[in-house]
Amino acid sequence: MPLVIISGQRGGAGATTVVSNLAASLQNAGEQTLSIDLHPDNQLCLHFGVSQECISGWAQAIATGADWKQCAFQASDGRRVLPFGELAPYQFKRFREVLMSSIKSIADTFALRQDEWVLIDMPVDRQQALSDNLISECYQAIYALADFSFYVAHPDLGTYRLLKQAALNGETLADKQLYLLNEVDTNSALSLDIELLVKAEFAAQVLPASIHRDTAVPEAAAYMTAVNTYMPSSQASSDYHSLALWCLGRLGEDAENA
């Protein structure tokens, strides 16, 4: 069960979109995928064609004692998604009480499915997103299970400054944690220059594949589908295909070295 965690370096970086489209490209490459939403805003399922009126999800299920296995949906292209669901305020206490044991149960269940990629849409700030230290710690523990963790970032001055400051402070990503540059604008010299600068200075921490800005991506999201279904010939579709191939190749290398 290859496990990939995807989070934004900061809010609005496009991590949820990356989860959806990477899942589609892995599916296109012959892999089975399941995407799990850990965001309380419950937006990931919209990229899989699930109606916004649907409130069911794994979080709501464990809070009400329902079977979370019945909350998964399958998109028309074969991708599966497990939404977070909508939690009423009175359900939050119970959710907190059973979260740790439920996460373990979910992890144990998917560990048996060796042929399926699991992609996790992780909140940018686990503590602030859920306003609860215990939940934050539980989410943080999931990182120990991951084969890769991608931090989605825009190629802008803010990203470069954050990376530079982290380096000056001696802060580096752990093994198998990498930055993914998203929405590289080929019409902007600054965007392209920062992409080159970031990859040159932080080569060991940045994925070789970048995702270029492409109007096909938000259009695909508006149609609640993946970009490789909406416009297979688009630049973004090619970028996500390259990212999927990198994941497959890297996983194979790690298996050989194990």
Protein backbone atom coordinates (compact mmCIF):
# COMPACT_ATOMS: atom_id res chain seq x y z
CA MET A 1 0.00 0.00 0.00
CA PRO A 2 2.02 2.99 -1.21
CA LEU A 3 1.01 6.00 0.91
CA VAL A 4 1.50 9.60 -0.26
CA ILE A 5 0.66 12.60 1.94
CA ILE A 6 0.04 15.88 0.13
CA SER A 7 -0.18 19.20 1.94
CA GLY A 8 0.24 22.85 1.04
CA GLN A 9 3.30 24.76 2.17
CA ARG A 10 0.71 27.37 3.03
CA GLY A 11 -2.99 27.80 2.39
CA GLY A 12 -4.17 28.09 -1.21
CA ALA A 13 -1.21 26.24 -2.74
CA GLY A 14 -3.48 23.75 -4.52
CA ALA A 15 -2.83 20.55 -2.57
CA THR A 16 -6.39 19.26 -2.93
CA THR A 17 -6.21 19.72 -6.71
CA VAL A 18 -2.88 17.88 -6.77
CA VAL A 19 -4.34 14.93 -4.85
CA SER A 20 -7.20 14.59 -7.33
CA ASN A 21 -5.09 14.86 -10.47
CA LEU A 22 -2.20 12.70 -9.25
CA ALA A 23 -4.75 10.00 -8.40
CA ALA A 24 -6.14 10.27 -11.94
CA SER A 25 -2.69 9.96 -13.51
CA LEU A 26 -1.78 6.95 -11.37
CA GLN A 27 -5.12 5.41 -12.33
CA ASN A 28 -4.31 6.08 -15.98
CA ALA A 29 -1.01 4.25 -15.48
CA GLY A 30 -2.89 1.13 -14.39
CA GLU A 31 -2.78 1.67 -10.62
CA GLN A 32 -5.72 1.57 -8.21
CA THR A 33 -6.05 4.67 -6.03
CA LEU A 34 -7.93 5.80 -2.95
CA SER A 35 -7.80 9.45 -1.89
CA ILE A 36 -8.62 10.28 1.75
CA ASP A 37 -9.65 13.76 2.83
CA LEU A 38 -8.40 14.86 6.26
CA HIS A 39 -9.61 18.44 5.71
CA PRO A 40 -12.62 19.49 7.79
CA ASP A 41 -13.73 21.66 4.85
CA ASN A 42 -14.53 18.42 2.95
CA GLN A 43 -13.64 19.76 -0.52
CA LEU A 44 -11.71 16.84 -2.05
CA CYS A 45 -14.79 14.82 -2.97
CA LEU A 46 -15.99 17.60 -5.30
CA HIS A 47 -13.06 16.78 -7.62
CA PHE A 48 -14.42 13.24 -7.89
CA GLY A 49 -17.94 14.22 -8.93
CA VAL A 50 -19.54 13.84 -5.51
CA SER A 51 -22.46 16.20 -4.94
CA GLN A 52 -21.84 19.05 -2.51
CA GLU A 53 -25.12 18.13 -0.85
CA CYS A 54 -23.65 14.80 0.27
CA ILE A 55 -22.54 15.08 3.91
CA SER A 56 -21.34 11.52 4.57
CA GLY A 57 -17.68 10.79 5.20
CA TRP A 58 -15.28 8.89 7.43
CA ALA A 59 -15.22 11.55 10.18
CA GLN A 60 -18.97 11.74 10.40
CA ALA A 61 -19.20 7.94 10.35
CA ILE A 62 -16.85 7.38 13.30
CA ALA A 63 -18.58 10.15 15.25
CA THR A 64 -22.00 8.52 14.80
CA GLY A 65 -20.93 4.88 15.04
CA ALA A 66 -21.62 4.19 11.37
CA ASP A 67 -19.39 2.07 9.12
CA TRP A 68 -16.78 4.35 7.53
CA LYS A 69 -16.15 1.73 4.82
CA GLN A 70 -19.55 2.58 3.35
CA CYS A 71 -18.60 6.24 2.85
CA ALA A 72 -16.23 5.83 -0.11
CA PHE A 73 -17.27 6.96 -3.57
CA GLN A 74 -15.97 5.93 -6.99
CA ALA A 75 -15.54 8.42 -9.82
CA SER A 76 -16.36 7.53 -13.42
CA ASP A 77 -12.65 7.07 -14.19
CA GLY A 78 -12.22 4.50 -11.41
CA ARG A 79 -10.65 6.74 -8.76
CA ARG A 80 -12.02 6.25 -5.27
CA VAL A 81 -12.35 8.91 -2.58
CA LEU A 82 -13.11 8.77 1.13
CA PRO A 83 -14.51 12.19 2.08
CA PHE A 84 -14.10 13.80 5.50
CA GLY A 85 -17.83 14.45 5.71
CA GLU A 86 -19.74 17.16 7.52
CA LEU A 87 -19.45 17.21 11.31
CA ALA A 88 -22.12 18.98 13.35
CA PRO A 89 -20.79 20.84 16.42
CA TYR A 90 -22.36 18.32 18.80
CA GLN A 91 -20.57 15.44 16.99
CA PHE A 92 -17.08 16.87 17.42
CA LYS A 93 -16.57 15.63 20.99
CA ARG A 94 -17.29 12.04 20.00
CA PHE A 95 -15.08 12.40 16.90
CA ARG A 96 -12.20 13.46 19.12
CA GLU A 97 -12.72 10.55 21.50
CA VAL A 98 -12.62 7.84 18.85
CA LEU A 99 -10.21 9.40 16.34
CA MET A 100 -7.00 7.66 17.43
CA SER A 101 -8.46 4.15 17.47
CA SER A 102 -10.40 4.80 14.26
CA ILE A 103 -7.32 6.05 12.38
CA LYS A 104 -5.49 2.89 13.44
CA SER A 105 -8.39 0.76 12.22
CA ILE A 106 -8.48 2.59 8.89
CA ALA A 107 -4.70 2.25 8.47
CA ASP A 108 -4.81 -1.47 9.30
CA THR A 109 -7.59 -2.01 6.78
CA PHE A 110 -5.76 -0.34 3.92
CA ALA A 111 -2.45 -1.98 4.82
CA LEU A 112 -4.01 -5.23 3.61
CA ARG A 113 -4.59 -3.73 0.15
CA GLN A 114 -1.06 -3.87 -1.22
CA ASP A 115 -2.19 -3.12 -4.78
CA GLU A 116 -3.74 0.26 -4.01
CA TRP A 117 -2.16 3.72 -3.75
CA VAL A 118 -3.50 5.82 -0.89
CA LEU A 119 -3.25 9.59 -1.29
CA ILE A 120 -3.98 11.76 1.75
CA ASP A 121 -5.12 15.37 1.51
CA MET A 122 -3.60 16.79 4.70
CA PRO A 123 -4.47 20.21 6.19
CA VAL A 124 -1.68 22.79 6.00
CA ASP A 125 -1.63 23.29 9.76
CA ARG A 126 -3.00 20.27 11.59
CA GLN A 127 -3.34 22.13 14.89
CA GLN A 128 -4.94 25.31 13.59
CA ALA A 129 -7.18 23.50 11.10
CA LEU A 130 -8.83 21.44 13.81
CA SER A 131 -8.07 23.59 16.88
CA ASP A 132 -7.16 20.55 18.95
CA ASN A 133 -3.71 19.38 20.01
CA LEU A 134 -4.73 15.74 20.33
CA ILE A 135 -6.10 15.67 16.80
CA SER A 136 -3.03 17.49 15.56
CA GLU A 137 -0.77 14.86 17.12
CA CYS A 138 -2.85 12.07 15.60
CA TYR A 139 -2.58 13.57 12.14
CA GLN A 140 1.13 14.18 12.63
CA ALA A 141 1.63 10.49 13.47
CA ILE A 142 0.31 9.58 10.03
CA TYR A 143 3.45 11.05 8.48
CA ALA A 144 5.46 8.16 9.94
CA LEU A 145 3.50 5.77 7.71
CA ALA A 146 4.06 7.66 4.45
CA ASP A 147 6.24 6.53 1.56
CA PHE A 148 6.37 10.16 0.37
CA SER A 149 5.16 13.52 1.66
CA PHE A 150 4.73 16.35 -0.84
CA TYR A 151 4.48 19.99 0.22
CA VAL A 152 2.81 21.95 -2.57
CA ALA A 153 4.20 25.47 -3.09
CA HIS A 154 3.89 28.25 -5.64
CA PRO A 155 7.05 29.46 -7.40
CA ASP A 156 6.95 32.94 -5.89
CA LEU A 157 9.08 35.11 -3.64
CA GLY A 158 7.13 34.05 -0.55
CA THR A 159 8.02 30.41 -1.14
CA TYR A 160 11.67 31.20 -1.82
CA ARG A 161 11.95 33.30 1.32
CA LEU A 162 10.37 30.60 3.47
CA LEU A 163 12.75 27.96 2.08
CA LYS A 164 15.74 30.26 2.52
CA GLN A 165 14.78 31.12 6.09
CA ALA A 166 14.30 27.45 6.94
CA ALA A 167 17.75 26.68 5.55
CA LEU A 168 19.33 29.49 7.55
CA ASN A 169 17.63 28.11 10.67
CA GLY A 170 18.99 24.66 9.95
CA GLU A 171 15.54 23.29 9.20
CA THR A 172 15.40 20.70 6.43
CA LEU A 173 12.77 18.25 5.33
CA ALA A 174 13.00 14.68 6.56
CA ASP A 175 13.76 11.81 4.22
CA LYS A 176 11.02 11.26 1.63
CA GLN A 177 9.56 14.73 2.19
CA LEU A 178 9.73 16.94 -0.89
CA TYR A 179 8.40 20.24 -2.21
CA LEU A 180 6.27 20.23 -5.35
CA LEU A 181 6.15 23.48 -7.32
CA ASN A 182 2.62 24.12 -8.53
CA GLU A 183 1.26 26.64 -11.06
CA VAL A 184 4.57 27.53 -12.68
CA ASP A 185 3.63 30.31 -15.11
CA THR A 186 5.44 30.00 -18.44
CA ASN A 187 4.31 33.55 -19.32
CA SER A 188 6.07 34.99 -16.27
CA ALA A 189 9.84 35.38 -16.30
CA LEU A 190 9.76 35.76 -12.51
CA SER A 191 7.87 32.49 -12.02
CA LEU A 192 10.29 30.61 -14.28
CA ASP A 193 13.34 32.21 -12.65
CA ILE A 194 12.15 31.30 -9.15
CA GLU A 195 11.46 27.74 -10.27
CA LEU A 196 15.05 27.47 -11.52
CA LEU A 197 16.43 29.17 -8.41
CA VAL A 198 14.51 26.93 -5.99
CA LYS A 199 15.51 23.76 -7.86
CA ALA A 200 19.15 24.88 -7.99
CA GLU A 201 19.48 25.87 -4.33
CA PHE A 202 17.24 23.19 -2.82
CA ALA A 203 17.63 20.37 -5.35
CA ALA A 204 17.54 17.59 -2.76
CA GLN A 205 14.25 18.88 -1.33
CA VAL A 206 12.32 19.67 -4.54
CA LEU A 207 10.62 17.26 -6.90
CA PRO A 208 12.06 17.34 -10.44
CA ALA A 209 8.53 17.46 -11.87
CA SER A 210 6.65 20.77 -11.65
CA ILE A 211 3.00 21.50 -12.39
CA HIS A 212 2.50 24.39 -14.82
CA ARG A 213 -0.30 26.92 -14.64
CA ASP A 214 -2.98 25.77 -17.04
CA THR A 215 -6.55 27.01 -17.42
CA ALA A 216 -7.60 23.40 -18.01
CA VAL A 217 -7.07 22.66 -14.29
CA PRO A 218 -9.72 24.99 -12.82
CA GLU A 219 -12.02 24.18 -15.74
CA ALA A 220 -11.72 20.47 -14.95
CA ALA A 221 -12.42 21.20 -11.28
CA ALA A 222 -15.54 23.15 -12.29
CA TYR A 223 -16.73 20.03 -14.11
CA MET A 224 -15.85 17.96 -11.00
CA THR A 225 -13.34 15.79 -12.84
CA ALA A 226 -9.59 15.37 -13.40
CA VAL A 227 -7.65 17.38 -15.95
CA ASN A 228 -6.53 14.28 -17.88
CA THR A 229 -10.19 13.44 -18.46
CA TYR A 230 -11.29 16.98 -19.23
CA MET A 231 -8.37 17.84 -21.53
CA PRO A 232 -5.90 14.95 -22.04
CA SER A 233 -3.64 17.00 -24.33
CA SER A 234 -3.14 19.84 -21.85
CA GLN A 235 0.20 20.80 -20.32
CA ALA A 236 -1.09 20.07 -16.83
CA SER A 237 -2.19 16.58 -17.87
CA SER A 238 1.34 15.92 -19.12
CA ASP A 239 2.81 17.33 -15.89
CA TYR A 240 0.68 15.06 -13.69
CA HIS A 241 1.60 12.10 -15.88
CA SER A 242 5.29 12.89 -15.26
CA LEU A 243 4.64 13.18 -11.52
CA ALA A 244 2.88 9.81 -11.49
CA LEU A 245 5.77 8.19 -13.36
CA TRP A 246 8.22 9.69 -10.84
CA CYS A 247 6.19 8.20 -7.97
CA LEU A 248 6.09 4.78 -9.62
CA GLY A 249 9.81 4.87 -10.42
CA ARG A 250 10.83 6.07 -6.97
CA LEU A 251 8.72 3.43 -5.27
CA GLY A 252 10.39 0.78 -7.40
CA GLU A 253 13.84 2.08 -6.48
CA ASP A 254 13.01 2.05 -2.79
CA ALA A 255 11.69 -1.51 -3.07
CA GLU A 256 14.94 -2.66 -4.71
CA ASN A 257 17.05 -0.97 -2.04
CA ALA A 258 14.98 -2.34 0.84
